[in-house]
Amino acid sequence: MTDAQDHDAPSPEHPAEHVTTLWVDADACPRAARDILVRAAERTATPTWFVANHQVPLPRSMHVKALSVPAGADAADQLIVERARPGDMVITSDLPLALEAIEKGALVMTSRGETLDANNIRAKVQMRDFMESMRSSGEHTGGPSAYGQREQRDFGNALDRWLAKARRPRPGA
């Protein structure tokens, strides 16, 4: 695993021609979603960065890399927001990270294939905050459903649609 100073990682300091990149909040990414992402990155030659504060097992690949950040609250999120560029895709279920990425011009999808965008992110953050206050008052609100085959299929299909769209030539290009 490389550290956050990896010279191959795209960053604002390296303004070379931008290639659409996938940024994965790997701290909570389900293994099945990680496997889907790796296969898609290999198939489409899409640069994909798994960012975490722990070791993420990944196959050797030209297209799939890992960035390790120091342990600490939101260190991986901060690095993703710093490095993601408009048109990149961020894979996360972390709503505050999603909001920051969207504000920066990145596209956001959860590991369940749900698109988060300017039209729905603020309402989702507000609902998250409300549910958090309910839990802190002792209310049992439950959690997300298990990550099963349906969620994997929905994510894989949504990712494939996005990658196909990202690969289309732009008019006038």
Protein backbone atom coordinates (compact mmCIF):
# COMPACT_ATOMS: atom_id res chain seq x y z
CA MET A 1 0.00 0.00 0.00
CA THR A 2 1.29 3.45 -0.75
CA ASP A 3 1.05 6.49 1.43
CA ALA A 4 -0.96 9.65 0.82
CA GLN A 5 2.06 11.31 -0.80
CA ASP A 6 2.12 8.80 -3.68
CA HIS A 7 3.48 10.66 -6.71
CA ASP A 8 1.36 8.65 -9.16
CA ALA A 9 -1.88 9.85 -7.59
CA PRO A 10 -3.60 12.71 -9.41
CA SER A 11 -3.70 15.91 -7.41
CA PRO A 12 -4.32 19.63 -7.91
CA GLU A 13 -0.54 20.12 -8.09
CA HIS A 14 -0.36 17.84 -11.16
CA PRO A 15 -2.50 19.61 -13.77
CA ALA A 16 -1.71 17.12 -16.56
CA GLU A 17 -4.56 16.15 -18.86
CA HIS A 18 -7.29 14.88 -16.58
CA VAL A 19 -8.57 11.34 -16.95
CA THR A 20 -11.83 10.50 -15.21
CA THR A 21 -10.96 8.73 -11.98
CA LEU A 22 -12.88 6.64 -9.48
CA TRP A 23 -12.26 7.52 -5.81
CA VAL A 24 -13.43 4.90 -3.32
CA ASP A 25 -14.01 5.61 0.35
CA ALA A 26 -12.61 2.19 1.18
CA ASP A 27 -12.96 2.36 4.96
CA ALA A 28 -16.54 1.07 4.76
CA CYS A 29 -16.77 -0.27 1.20
CA PRO A 30 -18.25 -3.79 1.20
CA ARG A 31 -15.88 -6.45 -0.14
CA ALA A 32 -18.36 -7.39 -2.88
CA ALA A 33 -18.51 -3.75 -4.07
CA ARG A 34 -14.71 -3.58 -3.99
CA ASP A 35 -14.54 -6.66 -6.21
CA ILE A 36 -17.04 -5.10 -8.66
CA LEU A 37 -14.97 -1.90 -8.75
CA VAL A 38 -11.72 -3.76 -9.41
CA ARG A 39 -13.24 -5.76 -12.28
CA ALA A 40 -14.78 -2.62 -13.81
CA ALA A 41 -11.53 -0.66 -13.51
CA GLU A 42 -9.60 -3.44 -15.23
CA ARG A 43 -12.21 -3.89 -17.97
CA THR A 44 -12.43 -0.15 -18.76
CA ALA A 45 -8.86 0.92 -17.87
CA THR A 46 -10.28 3.46 -15.42
CA PRO A 47 -7.88 4.81 -12.78
CA THR A 48 -9.35 3.75 -9.44
CA TRP A 49 -8.05 4.78 -6.03
CA PHE A 50 -9.09 3.03 -2.82
CA VAL A 51 -8.46 5.45 0.05
CA ALA A 52 -8.50 4.13 3.62
CA ASN A 53 -6.78 4.38 6.96
CA HIS A 54 -6.29 0.61 6.97
CA GLN A 55 -4.78 -1.90 4.56
CA VAL A 56 -7.13 -2.71 1.69
CA PRO A 57 -6.33 -6.00 -0.05
CA LEU A 58 -6.20 -5.35 -3.78
CA PRO A 59 -4.81 -7.28 -6.74
CA ARG A 60 -1.73 -5.98 -8.54
CA SER A 61 -2.99 -3.70 -11.28
CA MET A 62 -2.06 -0.78 -13.49
CA HIS A 63 -5.48 0.74 -12.92
CA VAL A 64 -6.28 -0.01 -9.28
CA LYS A 65 -4.25 1.59 -6.50
CA ALA A 66 -4.55 2.17 -2.79
CA LEU A 67 -3.73 5.23 -0.78
CA SER A 68 -3.18 4.82 2.93
CA VAL A 69 -3.83 7.80 5.14
CA PRO A 70 -2.91 8.26 8.78
CA ALA A 71 -5.48 7.10 11.28
CA GLY A 72 -7.75 9.90 12.32
CA ALA A 73 -11.24 11.17 11.93
CA ASP A 74 -12.06 11.77 8.28
CA ALA A 75 -8.46 11.61 7.01
CA ALA A 76 -9.49 9.45 4.04
CA ASP A 77 -12.47 11.73 3.32
CA GLN A 78 -10.24 14.80 3.33
CA LEU A 79 -7.80 13.24 0.89
CA ILE A 80 -10.62 12.23 -1.47
CA VAL A 81 -12.11 15.74 -1.44
CA GLU A 82 -8.67 17.26 -1.98
CA ARG A 83 -7.85 15.06 -4.98
CA ALA A 84 -11.20 14.50 -6.70
CA ARG A 85 -11.85 16.71 -9.69
CA PRO A 86 -14.99 17.68 -11.56
CA GLY A 87 -16.26 14.66 -13.48
CA ASP A 88 -14.58 12.10 -11.23
CA MET A 89 -16.79 9.56 -9.46
CA VAL A 90 -16.63 9.17 -5.69
CA ILE A 91 -17.99 5.92 -4.25
CA THR A 92 -19.15 6.45 -0.67
CA SER A 93 -22.07 6.12 1.68
CA ASP A 94 -20.63 8.86 3.90
CA LEU A 95 -23.07 11.72 3.35
CA PRO A 96 -20.84 14.59 4.55
CA LEU A 97 -18.09 13.34 2.20
CA ALA A 98 -20.65 13.04 -0.59
CA LEU A 99 -21.80 16.63 -0.02
CA GLU A 100 -18.24 17.97 -0.20
CA ALA A 101 -17.46 15.94 -3.32
CA ILE A 102 -20.64 17.14 -5.04
CA GLU A 103 -19.84 20.75 -4.17
CA LYS A 104 -16.46 20.24 -5.82
CA GLY A 105 -18.07 18.94 -9.02
CA ALA A 106 -17.53 15.22 -8.58
CA LEU A 107 -20.23 12.65 -9.19
CA VAL A 108 -21.20 10.48 -6.23
CA MET A 109 -22.65 7.01 -5.99
CA THR A 110 -23.18 4.77 -2.98
CA SER A 111 -21.99 1.16 -2.96
CA ARG A 112 -25.67 0.28 -3.46
CA GLY A 113 -25.81 2.13 -6.80
CA GLU A 114 -27.72 5.17 -5.53
CA THR A 115 -26.72 8.42 -7.18
CA LEU A 116 -26.24 11.33 -4.80
CA ASP A 117 -26.38 14.78 -6.37
CA ALA A 118 -27.18 18.43 -5.70
CA ASN A 119 -30.91 17.63 -5.87
CA ASN A 120 -30.96 15.06 -3.07
CA ILE A 121 -27.83 15.33 -0.91
CA ARG A 122 -28.94 18.08 1.48
CA ALA A 123 -32.20 16.28 2.33
CA LYS A 124 -30.26 13.05 2.94
CA VAL A 125 -27.77 14.83 5.22
CA GLN A 126 -30.65 16.39 7.17
CA MET A 127 -32.36 13.00 7.54
CA ARG A 128 -29.08 11.45 8.68
CA ASP A 129 -28.66 14.19 11.30
CA PHE A 130 -32.26 13.71 12.46
CA MET A 131 -31.81 9.93 12.79
CA GLU A 132 -28.55 10.48 14.66
CA SER A 133 -30.34 12.74 17.17
CA MET A 134 -33.06 10.08 17.54
CA ARG A 135 -30.44 7.42 18.29
CA SER A 136 -28.66 9.66 20.79
CA SER A 137 -31.96 10.08 22.66
CA GLY A 138 -32.23 6.30 23.00
CA GLU A 139 -34.48 5.53 20.04
CA HIS A 140 -33.65 2.33 18.14
CA THR A 141 -33.76 3.26 14.45
CA GLY A 142 -32.16 0.19 12.88
CA GLY A 143 -29.51 0.31 10.22
CA PRO A 144 -29.14 -0.38 6.54
CA SER A 145 -30.25 -3.73 5.17
CA ALA A 146 -27.65 -6.40 4.48
CA TYR A 147 -25.49 -5.99 1.37
CA GLY A 148 -26.86 -8.85 -0.68
CA GLN A 149 -27.01 -9.94 -4.29
CA ARG A 150 -29.65 -7.35 -5.21
CA GLU A 151 -27.49 -4.50 -3.86
CA GLN A 152 -24.46 -5.89 -5.66
CA ARG A 153 -26.40 -6.12 -8.94
CA ASP A 154 -27.81 -2.60 -8.55
CA PHE A 155 -24.34 -1.21 -7.85
CA GLY A 156 -22.69 -3.09 -10.73
CA ASN A 157 -25.36 -1.96 -13.19
CA ALA A 158 -25.20 1.69 -12.05
CA LEU A 159 -21.39 1.67 -12.22
CA ASP A 160 -21.43 0.15 -15.71
CA ARG A 161 -23.89 2.82 -16.91
CA TRP A 162 -21.72 5.59 -15.48
CA LEU A 163 -18.51 4.18 -16.95
CA ALA A 164 -20.13 3.81 -20.39
CA LYS A 165 -21.31 7.42 -20.22
CA ALA A 166 -17.89 8.64 -19.05
CA ARG A 167 -16.22 6.92 -22.03
CA ARG A 168 -18.43 8.53 -24.69
CA PRO A 169 -16.68 11.19 -26.73
CA ARG A 170 -17.84 14.68 -25.88
CA PRO A 171 -19.30 16.84 -28.68
CA GLY A 172 -16.60 19.07 -30.11
CA ALA A 173 -13.80 17.03 -28.56
